[in-house]
All heavy atoms as atom14 arrays in JSON, in Angstrom:
{
  "sequence": "GFYAGLSAGKASGDFDYTIIGESSPYFSEEIDGKSYGIYGGYN",
  "atom14_mask": [
    [1, 1, 1, 1, 0, 0, 0, 0, 0, 0, 0, 0, 0, 0],
    [1, 1, 1, 1, 1, 1, 1, 1, 1, 1, 1, 0, 0, 0],
    [1, 1, 1, 1, 1, 1, 1, 1, 1, 1, 1, 1, 0, 0],
    [1, 1, 1, 1, 1, 0, 0, 0, 0, 0, 0, 0, 0, 0],
    [1, 1, 1, 1, 0, 0, 0, 0, 0, 0, 0, 0, 0, 0],
    [1, 1, 1, 1, 1, 1, 1, 1, 0, 0, 0, 0, 0, 0],
    [1, 1, 1, 1, 1, 1, 0, 0, 0, 0, 0, 0, 0, 0],
    [1, 1, 1, 1, 1, 0, 0, 0, 0, 0, 0, 0, 0, 0],
    [1, 1, 1, 1, 0, 0, 0, 0, 0, 0, 0, 0, 0, 0],
    [1, 1, 1, 1, 1, 1, 1, 1, 1, 0, 0, 0, 0, 0],
    [1, 1, 1, 1, 1, 0, 0, 0, 0, 0, 0, 0, 0, 0],
    [1, 1, 1, 1, 1, 1, 0, 0, 0, 0, 0, 0, 0, 0],
    [1, 1, 1, 1, 0, 0, 0, 0, 0, 0, 0, 0, 0, 0],
    [1, 1, 1, 1, 1, 1, 1, 1, 0, 0, 0, 0, 0, 0],
    [1, 1, 1, 1, 1, 1, 1, 1, 1, 1, 1, 0, 0, 0],
    [1, 1, 1, 1, 1, 1, 1, 1, 0, 0, 0, 0, 0, 0],
    [1, 1, 1, 1, 1, 1, 1, 1, 1, 1, 1, 1, 0, 0],
    [1, 1, 1, 1, 1, 1, 1, 0, 0, 0, 0, 0, 0, 0],
    [1, 1, 1, 1, 1, 1, 1, 1, 0, 0, 0, 0, 0, 0],
    [1, 1, 1, 1, 1, 1, 1, 1, 0, 0, 0, 0, 0, 0],
    [1, 1, 1, 1, 0, 0, 0, 0, 0, 0, 0, 0, 0, 0],
    [1, 1, 1, 1, 1, 1, 1, 1, 1, 0, 0, 0, 0, 0],
    [1, 1, 1, 1, 1, 1, 0, 0, 0, 0, 0, 0, 0, 0],
    [1, 1, 1, 1, 1, 1, 0, 0, 0, 0, 0, 0, 0, 0],
    [1, 1, 1, 1, 1, 1, 1, 0, 0, 0, 0, 0, 0, 0],
    [1, 1, 1, 1, 1, 1, 1, 1, 1, 1, 1, 1, 0, 0],
    [1, 1, 1, 1, 1, 1, 1, 1, 1, 1, 1, 0, 0, 0],
    [1, 1, 1, 1, 1, 1, 0, 0, 0, 0, 0, 0, 0, 0],
    [1, 1, 1, 1, 1, 1, 1, 1, 1, 0, 0, 0, 0, 0],
    [1, 1, 1, 1, 1, 1, 1, 1, 1, 0, 0, 0, 0, 0],
    [1, 1, 1, 1, 1, 1, 1, 1, 0, 0, 0, 0, 0, 0],
    [1, 1, 1, 1, 1, 1, 1, 1, 0, 0, 0, 0, 0, 0],
    [1, 1, 1, 1, 0, 0, 0, 0, 0, 0, 0, 0, 0, 0],
    [1, 1, 1, 1, 1, 1, 1, 1, 1, 0, 0, 0, 0, 0],
    [1, 1, 1, 1, 1, 1, 0, 0, 0, 0, 0, 0, 0, 0],
    [1, 1, 1, 1, 1, 1, 1, 1, 1, 1, 1, 1, 0, 0],
    [1, 1, 1, 1, 0, 0, 0, 0, 0, 0, 0, 0, 0, 0],
    [1, 1, 1, 1, 1, 1, 1, 1, 0, 0, 0, 0, 0, 0],
    [1, 1, 1, 1, 1, 1, 1, 1, 1, 1, 1, 1, 0, 0],
    [1, 1, 1, 1, 0, 0, 0, 0, 0, 0, 0, 0, 0, 0],
    [1, 1, 1, 1, 0, 0, 0, 0, 0, 0, 0, 0, 0, 0],
    [1, 1, 1, 1, 1, 1, 1, 1, 1, 1, 1, 1, 0, 0],
    [1, 1, 1, 1, 1, 1, 1, 1, 0, 0, 0, 0, 0, 0]
  ],
  "atom14_positions": [
    [[15.96, 10.34, 1.67], [15.28, 11.26, 0.75], [13.82, 11.05, 0.64], [13.3, 10.15, 1.26], [0.0, 0.0, 0.0], [0.0, 0.0, 0.0], [0.0, 0.0, 0.0], [0.0, 0.0, 0.0], [0.0, 0.0, 0.0], [0.0, 0.0, 0.0], [0.0, 0.0, 0.0], [0.0, 0.0, 0.0], [0.0, 0.0, 0.0], [0.0, 0.0, 0.0]],
    [[13.18, 11.83, -0.23], [11.75, 11.73, -0.49], [11.42, 10.56, -1.37], [12.2, 10.25, -2.25], [11.16, 12.98, -1.09], [11.13, 14.2, -0.07], [12.12, 15.19, -0.12], [10.14, 14.27, 0.81], [12.03, 16.28, 0.75], [10.06, 15.37, 1.7], [11.03, 16.33, 1.69], [0.0, 0.0, 0.0], [0.0, 0.0, 0.0], [0.0, 0.0, 0.0]],
    [[10.27, 9.95, -1.14], [9.75, 8.97, -2.09], [8.23, 9.01, -2.13], [7.65, 9.54, -1.26], [10.16, 7.55, -1.59], [9.63, 7.13, -0.34], [8.39, 6.43, -0.2], [10.3, 7.46, 0.95], [7.86, 6.08, 1.0], [9.7, 7.13, 2.14], [8.57, 6.48, 2.22], [8.0, 6.07, 3.39], [0.0, 0.0, 0.0], [0.0, 0.0, 0.0]],
    [[7.63, 8.46, -3.27], [6.23, 8.39, -3.42], [5.87, 7.34, -4.35], [6.72, 6.78, -5.1], [5.7, 9.71, -3.91], [0.0, 0.0, 0.0], [0.0, 0.0, 0.0], [0.0, 0.0, 0.0], [0.0, 0.0, 0.0], [0.0, 0.0, 0.0], [0.0, 0.0, 0.0], [0.0, 0.0, 0.0], [0.0, 0.0, 0.0], [0.0, 0.0, 0.0]],
    [[4.57, 6.89, -4.25], [4.25, 5.84, -5.13], [2.73, 5.4, -4.99], [1.94, 6.15, -4.45], [0.0, 0.0, 0.0], [0.0, 0.0, 0.0], [0.0, 0.0, 0.0], [0.0, 0.0, 0.0], [0.0, 0.0, 0.0], [0.0, 0.0, 0.0], [0.0, 0.0, 0.0], [0.0, 0.0, 0.0], [0.0, 0.0, 0.0], [0.0, 0.0, 0.0]],
    [[2.4, 4.25, -5.67], [1.08, 3.74, -5.67], [0.98, 2.37, -5.03], [2.01, 1.63, -5.02], [0.57, 3.63, -7.22], [0.68, 4.86, -8.08], [0.35, 4.51, -9.48], [-0.31, 5.88, -7.54], [0.0, 0.0, 0.0], [0.0, 0.0, 0.0], [0.0, 0.0, 0.0], [0.0, 0.0, 0.0], [0.0, 0.0, 0.0], [0.0, 0.0, 0.0]],
    [[-0.11, 2.0, -4.46], [-0.28, 0.74, -3.81], [-1.71, 0.14, -4.19], [-2.59, 0.86, -4.38], [-0.16, 0.8, -2.31], [-1.21, 1.62, -1.79], [0.0, 0.0, 0.0], [0.0, 0.0, 0.0], [0.0, 0.0, 0.0], [0.0, 0.0, 0.0], [0.0, 0.0, 0.0], [0.0, 0.0, 0.0], [0.0, 0.0, 0.0], [0.0, 0.0, 0.0]],
    [[-1.71, -1.22, -4.14], [-3.0, -1.9, -4.39], [-2.92, -3.25, -3.68], [-1.85, -3.88, -3.74], [-3.27, -2.05, -5.85], [0.0, 0.0, 0.0], [0.0, 0.0, 0.0], [0.0, 0.0, 0.0], [0.0, 0.0, 0.0], [0.0, 0.0, 0.0], [0.0, 0.0, 0.0], [0.0, 0.0, 0.0], [0.0, 0.0, 0.0], [0.0, 0.0, 0.0]],
    [[-4.01, -3.73, -3.14], [-4.03, -4.97, -2.47], [-5.37, -5.42, -2.09], [-6.44, -4.96, -2.5], [0.0, 0.0, 0.0], [0.0, 0.0, 0.0], [0.0, 0.0, 0.0], [0.0, 0.0, 0.0], [0.0, 0.0, 0.0], [0.0, 0.0, 0.0], [0.0, 0.0, 0.0], [0.0, 0.0, 0.0], [0.0, 0.0, 0.0], [0.0, 0.0, 0.0]],
    [[-5.36, -6.4, -1.14], [-6.68, -7.09, -0.64], [-6.82, -6.74, 0.78], [-5.82, -6.77, 1.59], [-6.55, -8.59, -0.92], [-7.65, -9.39, -0.37], [-7.6, -10.85, -0.66], [-8.71, -11.72, -0.07], [-10.04, -11.22, -0.55], [0.0, 0.0, 0.0], [0.0, 0.0, 0.0], [0.0, 0.0, 0.0], [0.0, 0.0, 0.0], [0.0, 0.0, 0.0]],
    [[-8.07, -6.43, 1.09], [-8.42, -6.13, 2.43], [-9.4, -7.07, 2.95], [-10.34, -7.6, 2.36], [-9.1, -4.7, 2.53], [0.0, 0.0, 0.0], [0.0, 0.0, 0.0], [0.0, 0.0, 0.0], [0.0, 0.0, 0.0], [0.0, 0.0, 0.0], [0.0, 0.0, 0.0], [0.0, 0.0, 0.0], [0.0, 0.0, 0.0], [0.0, 0.0, 0.0]],
    [[-9.21, -7.4, 4.34], [-10.07, -8.36, 5.03], [-10.1, -8.1, 6.5], [-9.22, -7.41, 7.02], [-9.8, -9.8, 4.64], [-8.47, -10.06, 5.09], [0.0, 0.0, 0.0], [0.0, 0.0, 0.0], [0.0, 0.0, 0.0], [0.0, 0.0, 0.0], [0.0, 0.0, 0.0], [0.0, 0.0, 0.0], [0.0, 0.0, 0.0], [0.0, 0.0, 0.0]],
    [[-11.04, -8.69, 7.19], [-11.01, -8.48, 8.69], [-12.35, -8.83, 9.25], [-13.16, -9.5, 8.77], [0.0, 0.0, 0.0], [0.0, 0.0, 0.0], [0.0, 0.0, 0.0], [0.0, 0.0, 0.0], [0.0, 0.0, 0.0], [0.0, 0.0, 0.0], [0.0, 0.0, 0.0], [0.0, 0.0, 0.0], [0.0, 0.0, 0.0], [0.0, 0.0, 0.0]],
    [[-12.53, -8.24, 10.51], [-13.75, -8.53, 11.3], [-14.44, -7.2, 11.61], [-13.78, -6.22, 11.99], [-13.41, -9.28, 12.59], [-12.79, -10.64, 12.26], [-13.46, -11.39, 11.45], [-11.83, -10.93, 12.85], [0.0, 0.0, 0.0], [0.0, 0.0, 0.0], [0.0, 0.0, 0.0], [0.0, 0.0, 0.0], [0.0, 0.0, 0.0], [0.0, 0.0, 0.0]],
    [[-15.78, -7.22, 11.62], [-16.65, -6.01, 12.01], [-17.49, -6.4, 13.12], [-18.25, -7.42, 13.13], [-17.42, -5.62, 10.72], [-18.4, -4.56, 10.97], [-18.06, -3.22, 10.77], [-19.7, -4.86, 11.36], [-19.0, -2.24, 11.01], [-20.63, -3.77, 11.62], [-20.26, -2.53, 11.39], [0.0, 0.0, 0.0], [0.0, 0.0, 0.0], [0.0, 0.0, 0.0]],
    [[-17.44, -5.59, 14.2], [-18.33, -5.78, 15.28], [-19.23, -4.64, 15.58], [-18.82, -3.45, 15.56], [-17.42, -5.98, 16.64], [-16.6, -7.27, 16.55], [-17.04, -8.26, 15.87], [-15.52, -7.26, 17.12], [0.0, 0.0, 0.0], [0.0, 0.0, 0.0], [0.0, 0.0, 0.0], [0.0, 0.0, 0.0], [0.0, 0.0, 0.0], [0.0, 0.0, 0.0]],
    [[-20.56, -4.91, 15.74], [-21.53, -3.92, 16.18], [-21.91, -4.08, 17.64], [-22.3, -5.17, 18.0], [-22.7, -4.01, 15.22], [-23.88, -3.11, 15.62], [-23.93, -1.8, 15.14], [-24.94, -3.66, 16.45], [-25.05, -1.06, 15.49], [-26.0, -2.79, 16.76], [-26.07, -1.48, 16.28], [-27.06, -0.7, 16.67], [0.0, 0.0, 0.0], [0.0, 0.0, 0.0]],
    [[-21.7, -3.05, 18.41], [-21.86, -3.19, 19.85], [-22.75, -2.07, 20.4], [-22.74, -0.99, 20.0], [-20.41, -2.99, 20.58], [-19.52, -3.96, 19.96], [-20.52, -3.28, 22.03], [0.0, 0.0, 0.0], [0.0, 0.0, 0.0], [0.0, 0.0, 0.0], [0.0, 0.0, 0.0], [0.0, 0.0, 0.0], [0.0, 0.0, 0.0], [0.0, 0.0, 0.0]],
    [[-23.58, -2.59, 21.33], [-24.4, -1.64, 22.1], [-23.5, -1.32, 23.39], [-23.12, -2.23, 24.14], [-25.71, -2.19, 22.56], [-26.49, -2.74, 21.3], [-26.49, -1.24, 23.42], [-26.87, -1.63, 20.47], [0.0, 0.0, 0.0], [0.0, 0.0, 0.0], [0.0, 0.0, 0.0], [0.0, 0.0, 0.0], [0.0, 0.0, 0.0], [0.0, 0.0, 0.0]],
    [[-23.16, 0.01, 23.55], [-22.31, 0.37, 24.63], [-22.95, -0.03, 26.04], [-24.07, 0.21, 26.24], [-22.01, 1.86, 24.65], [-21.25, 2.25, 23.31], [-21.25, 2.32, 25.79], [-21.05, 3.66, 23.13], [0.0, 0.0, 0.0], [0.0, 0.0, 0.0], [0.0, 0.0, 0.0], [0.0, 0.0, 0.0], [0.0, 0.0, 0.0], [0.0, 0.0, 0.0]],
    [[-22.13, -0.67, 26.8], [-22.55, -1.21, 28.04], [-22.83, -2.73, 27.96], [-22.9, -3.31, 29.06], [0.0, 0.0, 0.0], [0.0, 0.0, 0.0], [0.0, 0.0, 0.0], [0.0, 0.0, 0.0], [0.0, 0.0, 0.0], [0.0, 0.0, 0.0], [0.0, 0.0, 0.0], [0.0, 0.0, 0.0], [0.0, 0.0, 0.0], [0.0, 0.0, 0.0]],
    [[-23.0, -3.25, 26.81], [-23.08, -4.71, 26.68], [-21.77, -5.39, 26.83], [-20.76, -4.86, 26.38], [-23.82, -5.06, 25.4], [-25.19, -4.47, 25.18], [-26.26, -5.16, 26.19], [-25.95, -6.28, 26.49], [-27.26, -4.6, 26.49], [0.0, 0.0, 0.0], [0.0, 0.0, 0.0], [0.0, 0.0, 0.0], [0.0, 0.0, 0.0], [0.0, 0.0, 0.0]],
    [[-21.75, -6.63, 27.29], [-20.51, -7.31, 27.57], [-19.96, -7.94, 26.22], [-18.7, -8.29, 26.09], [-20.66, -8.39, 28.58], [-21.7, -9.31, 28.16], [0.0, 0.0, 0.0], [0.0, 0.0, 0.0], [0.0, 0.0, 0.0], [0.0, 0.0, 0.0], [0.0, 0.0, 0.0], [0.0, 0.0, 0.0], [0.0, 0.0, 0.0], [0.0, 0.0, 0.0]],
    [[-20.85, -8.13, 25.24], [-20.39, -8.76, 23.95], [-20.97, -8.04, 22.82], [-22.02, -7.39, 22.91], [-20.73, -10.24, 23.99], [-22.13, -10.41, 24.05], [0.0, 0.0, 0.0], [0.0, 0.0, 0.0], [0.0, 0.0, 0.0], [0.0, 0.0, 0.0], [0.0, 0.0, 0.0], [0.0, 0.0, 0.0], [0.0, 0.0, 0.0], [0.0, 0.0, 0.0]],
    [[-20.41, -8.17, 21.54], [-20.95, -7.52, 20.39], [-22.37, -8.0, 20.14], [-22.7, -9.15, 20.38], [-19.98, -7.94, 19.27], [-18.81, -8.23, 19.93], [-19.17, -8.86, 21.25], [0.0, 0.0, 0.0], [0.0, 0.0, 0.0], [0.0, 0.0, 0.0], [0.0, 0.0, 0.0], [0.0, 0.0, 0.0], [0.0, 0.0, 0.0], [0.0, 0.0, 0.0]],
    [[-23.25, -7.01, 19.64], [-24.59, -7.45, 19.23], [-24.59, -8.43, 18.02], [-25.37, -9.33, 18.01], [-25.32, -6.1, 18.88], [-26.78, -6.26, 18.49], [-27.68, -6.7, 19.55], [-27.25, -6.14, 17.2], [-29.05, -6.84, 19.23], [-28.58, -6.33, 16.95], [-29.52, -6.66, 17.9], [-30.79, -6.81, 17.61], [0.0, 0.0, 0.0], [0.0, 0.0, 0.0]],
    [[-23.61, -8.1, 17.07], [-23.33, -9.11, 16.1], [-21.96, -8.82, 15.46], [-21.44, -7.75, 15.67], [-24.42, -8.98, 14.92], [-24.38, -7.76, 14.1], [-23.4, -7.53, 13.11], [-25.3, -6.8, 14.39], [-23.52, -6.34, 12.35], [-25.4, -5.55, 13.67], [-24.4, -5.41, 12.68], [0.0, 0.0, 0.0], [0.0, 0.0, 0.0], [0.0, 0.0, 0.0]],
    [[-21.41, -9.86, 14.87], [-20.1, -9.75, 14.3], [-20.11, -10.31, 12.87], [-20.92, -11.36, 12.57], [-19.02, -10.53, 15.08], [-18.87, -9.96, 16.38], [0.0, 0.0, 0.0], [0.0, 0.0, 0.0], [0.0, 0.0, 0.0], [0.0, 0.0, 0.0], [0.0, 0.0, 0.0], [0.0, 0.0, 0.0], [0.0, 0.0, 0.0], [0.0, 0.0, 0.0]],
    [[-19.39, -9.75, 11.93], [-19.28, -10.19, 10.57], [-17.89, -10.07, 9.98], [-17.07, -9.26, 10.59], [-20.3, -9.39, 9.64], [-21.75, -9.73, 9.9], [-22.61, -8.9, 8.83], [-22.2, -8.79, 7.71], [-23.66, -8.47, 9.32], [0.0, 0.0, 0.0], [0.0, 0.0, 0.0], [0.0, 0.0, 0.0], [0.0, 0.0, 0.0], [0.0, 0.0, 0.0]],
    [[-17.57, -10.85, 8.99], [-16.33, -10.65, 8.24], [-16.48, -9.65, 7.19], [-17.62, -9.39, 6.65], [-15.89, -11.99, 7.63], [-15.48, -13.04, 8.72], [-15.0, -14.29, 8.03], [-15.0, -14.41, 6.68], [-14.49, -15.18, 8.81], [0.0, 0.0, 0.0], [0.0, 0.0, 0.0], [0.0, 0.0, 0.0], [0.0, 0.0, 0.0], [0.0, 0.0, 0.0]],
    [[-15.39, -8.99, 6.86], [-15.43, -7.93, 5.84], [-14.32, -8.37, 4.76], [-13.33, -8.99, 5.19], [-15.14, -6.5, 6.35], [-13.83, -6.5, 7.15], [-16.28, -6.02, 7.12], [-13.4, -5.08, 7.62], [0.0, 0.0, 0.0], [0.0, 0.0, 0.0], [0.0, 0.0, 0.0], [0.0, 0.0, 0.0], [0.0, 0.0, 0.0], [0.0, 0.0, 0.0]],
    [[-14.54, -8.01, 3.54], [-13.71, -8.46, 2.44], [-13.69, -7.47, 1.4], [-14.87, -6.97, 1.03], [-14.09, -9.95, 2.09], [-13.04, -10.43, 1.07], [-11.97, -10.77, 1.5], [-13.32, -10.53, -0.11], [0.0, 0.0, 0.0], [0.0, 0.0, 0.0], [0.0, 0.0, 0.0], [0.0, 0.0, 0.0], [0.0, 0.0, 0.0], [0.0, 0.0, 0.0]],
    [[-12.61, -7.27, 0.65], [-12.68, -6.44, -0.48], [-11.18, -6.06, -0.96], [-10.27, -6.82, -0.82], [0.0, 0.0, 0.0], [0.0, 0.0, 0.0], [0.0, 0.0, 0.0], [0.0, 0.0, 0.0], [0.0, 0.0, 0.0], [0.0, 0.0, 0.0], [0.0, 0.0, 0.0], [0.0, 0.0, 0.0], [0.0, 0.0, 0.0], [0.0, 0.0, 0.0]],
    [[-11.13, -4.81, -1.5], [-9.85, -4.38, -2.07], [-9.48, -3.0, -1.48], [-10.32, -2.26, -0.9], [-9.93, -4.4, -3.54], [-10.96, -3.54, -4.09], [-10.98, -3.68, -5.68], [-12.04, -2.87, -6.31], [-13.37, -3.25, -6.07], [0.0, 0.0, 0.0], [0.0, 0.0, 0.0], [0.0, 0.0, 0.0], [0.0, 0.0, 0.0], [0.0, 0.0, 0.0]],
    [[-8.2, -2.62, -1.67], [-7.68, -1.3, -1.26], [-6.7, -0.73, -2.27], [-5.83, -1.63, -2.76], [-7.17, -1.45, 0.12], [-6.45, -0.18, 0.52], [0.0, 0.0, 0.0], [0.0, 0.0, 0.0], [0.0, 0.0, 0.0], [0.0, 0.0, 0.0], [0.0, 0.0, 0.0], [0.0, 0.0, 0.0], [0.0, 0.0, 0.0], [0.0, 0.0, 0.0]],
    [[-6.69, 0.45, -2.53], [-5.78, 1.04, -3.47], [-5.52, 2.6, -3.12], [-6.46, 3.21, -2.65], [-6.13, 0.88, -4.93], [-7.53, 1.47, -5.23], [-7.68, 2.71, -5.73], [-8.65, 0.76, -5.08], [-8.92, 3.28, -6.03], [-9.96, 1.26, -5.31], [-9.96, 2.53, -5.81], [-11.24, 3.06, -6.12], [0.0, 0.0, 0.0], [0.0, 0.0, 0.0]],
    [[-4.39, 3.05, -3.54], [-4.16, 4.43, -3.15], [-2.75, 4.94, -3.46], [-2.0, 4.37, -4.29], [0.0, 0.0, 0.0], [0.0, 0.0, 0.0], [0.0, 0.0, 0.0], [0.0, 0.0, 0.0], [0.0, 0.0, 0.0], [0.0, 0.0, 0.0], [0.0, 0.0, 0.0], [0.0, 0.0, 0.0], [0.0, 0.0, 0.0], [0.0, 0.0, 0.0]],
    [[-2.4, 6.05, -2.87], [-1.08, 6.67, -3.05], [-0.41, 6.78, -1.67], [-1.04, 6.76, -0.61], [-1.13, 8.07, -3.65], [-2.04, 8.96, -2.72], [-1.89, 8.01, -5.04], [-2.1, 10.44, -3.36], [0.0, 0.0, 0.0], [0.0, 0.0, 0.0], [0.0, 0.0, 0.0], [0.0, 0.0, 0.0], [0.0, 0.0, 0.0], [0.0, 0.0, 0.0]],
    [[0.94, 6.95, -1.73], [1.7, 7.19, -0.48], [2.9, 7.97, -0.73], [3.37, 8.12, -1.84], [2.08, 5.78, 0.13], [3.11, 5.0, -0.7], [4.47, 5.14, -0.64], [2.55, 4.08, -1.61], [5.33, 4.42, -1.4], [3.41, 3.31, -2.4], [4.8, 3.51, -2.33], [5.64, 2.81, -3.13], [0.0, 0.0, 0.0], [0.0, 0.0, 0.0]],
    [[3.39, 8.6, 0.32], [4.68, 9.3, 0.18], [5.28, 9.54, 1.56], [4.64, 9.43, 2.56], [0.0, 0.0, 0.0], [0.0, 0.0, 0.0], [0.0, 0.0, 0.0], [0.0, 0.0, 0.0], [0.0, 0.0, 0.0], [0.0, 0.0, 0.0], [0.0, 0.0, 0.0], [0.0, 0.0, 0.0], [0.0, 0.0, 0.0], [0.0, 0.0, 0.0]],
    [[6.61, 9.75, 1.55], [7.24, 9.83, 2.81], [8.69, 10.34, 2.65], [9.18, 10.65, 1.56], [0.0, 0.0, 0.0], [0.0, 0.0, 0.0], [0.0, 0.0, 0.0], [0.0, 0.0, 0.0], [0.0, 0.0, 0.0], [0.0, 0.0, 0.0], [0.0, 0.0, 0.0], [0.0, 0.0, 0.0], [0.0, 0.0, 0.0], [0.0, 0.0, 0.0]],
    [[9.43, 10.3, 3.73], [10.86, 10.71, 3.76], [11.65, 9.71, 4.67], [11.23, 9.42, 5.74], [11.07, 12.18, 4.3], [12.42, 12.75, 4.14], [12.74, 13.43, 2.91], [13.41, 12.49, 5.06], [13.93, 13.98, 2.73], [14.71, 12.96, 4.78], [14.93, 13.77, 3.65], [16.19, 14.25, 3.49], [0.0, 0.0, 0.0], [0.0, 0.0, 0.0]],
    [[12.81, 9.3, 4.19], [13.71, 8.39, 4.87], [15.01, 9.08, 5.26], [15.52, 9.9, 4.51], [14.07, 7.18, 3.99], [13.01, 6.16, 3.83], [12.25, 6.02, 4.74], [12.96, 5.55, 2.67], [0.0, 0.0, 0.0], [0.0, 0.0, 0.0], [0.0, 0.0, 0.0], [0.0, 0.0, 0.0], [0.0, 0.0, 0.0], [0.0, 0.0, 0.0]]
  ]
}
């Protein structure tokens, strides 16, 4: 059946800035923060 709800959590990862054609990223940084929202679906 159908379901819906709310979500909240922690977000993190890596960010790369690249010049196209270069073999490696111009620079890389970590990202960090939060995430929240809604969801819905059918099973």
